């Protein structure tokens, strides 16, 4: 499928909104995510049943660095935006955001992500893995509204 055809087929509301500002990295996020997890040699959970909202695609307890916090607090959107702006992720020019089945993986300018981090997360239906463009920083969102990352977002 050509890039033009792919762009015509995108139905995700947020991706449609920012289509001219993002780059499609892979046609199928799920397939590419699984390839990346293996390529980066990230620890994976022993099993996945698909119904546990706290489930993650990465076994974060086996990661050398692990930070976690609940982000779905009323009125905290601006505070979390400020935390992101002060985090190591903000040093990247772009980030890679994974979407769901038959949706693309996209490269998004960090500035654009910071303008509406919650919209991007919401558009993934609260379940995504986000990579810095060099794939060294990793942020996973679990369906129980937690951020799991190998870098600090929420200050101590």
Protein backbone atom coordinates (compact mmCIF):
# COMPACT_ATOMS: atom_id res chain seq x y z
CA UNK A 1 0.00 0.00 0.00
CA UNK A 2 1.40 3.39 -0.93
CA UNK A 3 1.79 6.16 1.61
CA UNK A 4 -1.03 8.12 -0.05
CA UNK A 5 -3.35 5.09 0.16
CA UNK A 6 -2.38 4.53 3.76
CA UNK A 7 -3.10 8.14 4.65
CA UNK A 8 -6.52 7.90 2.97
CA UNK A 9 -7.33 4.82 5.08
CA UNK A 10 -6.42 6.36 8.44
CA UNK A 11 -9.53 6.66 10.55
CA UNK A 12 -8.09 7.52 13.96
CA UNK A 13 -9.41 10.99 14.83
CA UNK A 14 -6.13 12.31 16.23
CA UNK A 15 -4.03 11.00 13.36
CA UNK A 16 -6.43 12.54 10.85
CA UNK A 17 -6.13 15.84 12.77
CA UNK A 18 -2.30 15.88 12.64
CA UNK A 19 -1.67 13.89 9.46
CA UNK A 20 0.37 16.60 7.75
CA UNK A 21 2.68 16.91 10.78
CA UNK A 22 3.47 13.24 11.41
CA UNK A 23 5.41 10.60 9.50
CA UNK A 24 4.11 7.06 9.14
CA UNK A 25 6.86 4.71 10.33
CA UNK A 26 5.00 1.43 9.80
CA UNK A 27 1.63 0.47 8.36
CA UNK A 28 0.72 -1.92 11.19
CA UNK A 29 1.63 -0.73 14.67
CA UNK A 30 1.05 -4.08 16.36
CA UNK A 31 3.34 -6.02 14.03
CA UNK A 32 6.07 -3.36 14.14
CA UNK A 33 5.79 -3.00 17.95
CA UNK A 34 6.32 -6.73 18.42
CA UNK A 35 9.33 -6.62 16.09
CA UNK A 36 10.78 -3.65 18.01
CA UNK A 37 10.29 -5.27 21.42
CA UNK A 38 12.26 -8.29 20.18
CA UNK A 39 14.90 -6.21 18.39
CA UNK A 40 15.47 -4.05 21.49
CA UNK A 41 15.59 -7.21 23.64
CA UNK A 42 13.06 -5.82 26.09
CA UNK A 43 11.78 -8.21 28.77
CA UNK A 44 8.30 -9.51 27.99
CA UNK A 45 5.68 -10.78 30.44
CA UNK A 46 5.40 -14.55 30.81
CA UNK A 47 1.85 -14.59 29.48
CA UNK A 48 -0.90 -12.28 28.37
CA UNK A 49 -4.60 -12.89 28.84
CA UNK A 50 -5.78 -9.57 27.44
CA UNK A 51 -8.37 -8.76 30.08
CA UNK A 52 -6.25 -7.31 32.87
CA UNK A 53 -6.24 -3.51 32.55
CA UNK A 54 -2.87 -3.32 34.35
CA UNK A 55 -1.27 -5.54 31.73
CA UNK A 56 1.74 -4.24 29.82
CA UNK A 57 3.63 -5.49 26.78
CA UNK A 58 6.93 -5.02 28.61
CA UNK A 59 7.82 -6.71 31.90
CA UNK A 60 8.75 -3.48 33.63
CA UNK A 61 9.88 -5.21 36.82
CA UNK A 62 12.79 -6.65 34.82
CA UNK A 63 13.85 -3.28 33.37
CA UNK A 64 17.04 -1.70 34.79
CA UNK A 65 15.16 1.58 35.38
CA UNK A 66 11.44 1.68 36.10
CA UNK A 67 9.17 4.59 36.96
CA UNK A 68 5.39 4.35 37.24
CA UNK A 69 2.56 6.69 38.14
CA UNK A 70 -1.20 7.06 37.77
CA UNK A 71 -1.88 9.94 35.39
CA UNK A 72 -5.68 10.18 35.16
CA UNK A 73 -6.20 12.79 37.85
CA UNK A 74 -8.74 15.56 37.31
CA UNK A 75 -7.04 18.89 36.66
CA UNK A 76 -3.50 17.45 36.36
CA UNK A 77 -3.21 17.78 32.56
CA UNK A 78 -1.12 20.96 32.69
CA UNK A 79 1.03 19.66 35.55
CA UNK A 80 1.83 16.47 33.64
CA UNK A 81 2.58 18.53 30.51
CA UNK A 82 5.14 20.50 32.55
CA UNK A 83 6.65 17.25 33.81
CA UNK A 84 6.95 15.97 30.24
CA UNK A 85 8.59 19.26 29.21
CA UNK A 86 11.23 18.76 31.93
CA UNK A 87 11.75 15.06 31.22
CA UNK A 88 14.44 13.47 29.07
CA UNK A 89 11.79 12.77 26.43
CA UNK A 90 11.53 16.50 25.69
CA UNK A 91 15.17 16.42 24.52
CA UNK A 92 14.14 14.34 21.48
CA UNK A 93 13.11 16.03 18.25
CA UNK A 94 10.45 13.40 17.63
CA UNK A 95 8.86 10.41 19.29
CA UNK A 96 7.41 7.20 17.88
CA UNK A 97 3.83 6.41 18.95
CA UNK A 98 2.27 2.99 18.46
CA UNK A 99 -1.42 2.61 17.79
CA UNK A 100 -3.72 -0.40 17.66
CA UNK A 101 -4.47 -3.21 15.26
CA UNK A 102 -4.37 -2.16 11.60
CA UNK A 103 -3.34 1.37 12.58
CA UNK A 104 0.02 2.90 11.72
CA UNK A 105 3.01 3.61 13.92
CA UNK A 106 3.83 7.31 13.60
CA UNK A 107 6.72 9.66 14.23
CA UNK A 108 5.47 12.82 15.94
CA UNK A 109 7.41 16.01 16.68
CA UNK A 110 7.84 16.22 20.46
CA UNK A 111 6.54 19.79 20.43
CA UNK A 112 3.28 18.58 18.86
CA UNK A 113 2.98 15.77 21.40
CA UNK A 114 3.54 18.18 24.29
CA UNK A 115 0.81 20.51 23.01
CA UNK A 116 -1.77 17.73 23.45
CA UNK A 117 -0.18 14.76 25.19
CA UNK A 118 -3.55 13.70 26.60
CA UNK A 119 -5.21 13.78 23.16
CA UNK A 120 -2.50 11.53 21.74
CA UNK A 121 -2.83 9.09 24.65
CA UNK A 122 -6.64 9.15 24.43
CA UNK A 123 -6.47 8.49 20.67
CA UNK A 124 -4.59 5.25 21.37
CA UNK A 125 -7.53 4.20 23.55
CA UNK A 126 -5.28 4.50 26.62
CA UNK A 127 -2.90 1.77 25.50
CA UNK A 128 0.34 2.49 23.67
CA UNK A 129 4.11 2.31 23.70
CA UNK A 130 5.99 5.51 22.94
CA UNK A 131 9.69 5.53 22.01
CA UNK A 132 12.16 8.37 21.70
CA UNK A 133 13.42 8.54 18.12
CA UNK A 134 16.62 6.71 19.13
CA UNK A 135 14.48 4.05 20.91
CA UNK A 136 16.37 4.52 24.20
CA UNK A 137 13.51 6.13 26.13
CA UNK A 138 10.37 4.05 26.44
CA UNK A 139 6.97 4.96 27.85
CA UNK A 140 4.13 2.47 28.00
CA UNK A 141 0.55 3.38 28.86
CA UNK A 142 -1.53 0.66 30.46
CA UNK A 143 -5.32 0.61 30.37
CA UNK A 144 -5.44 1.24 34.13
CA UNK A 145 -4.17 4.79 33.41
CA UNK A 146 -0.58 4.33 34.50
CA UNK A 147 2.56 5.52 32.78
CA UNK A 148 5.39 2.98 32.90
CA UNK A 149 8.76 4.31 31.74
CA UNK A 150 12.51 3.84 31.86
CA UNK A 151 12.95 7.56 32.53
CA UNK A 152 11.55 9.88 35.14
CA UNK A 153 8.46 11.95 34.31
CA UNK A 154 6.88 12.67 37.70
CA UNK A 155 9.33 14.48 39.98
CA UNK A 156 10.16 12.96 43.37
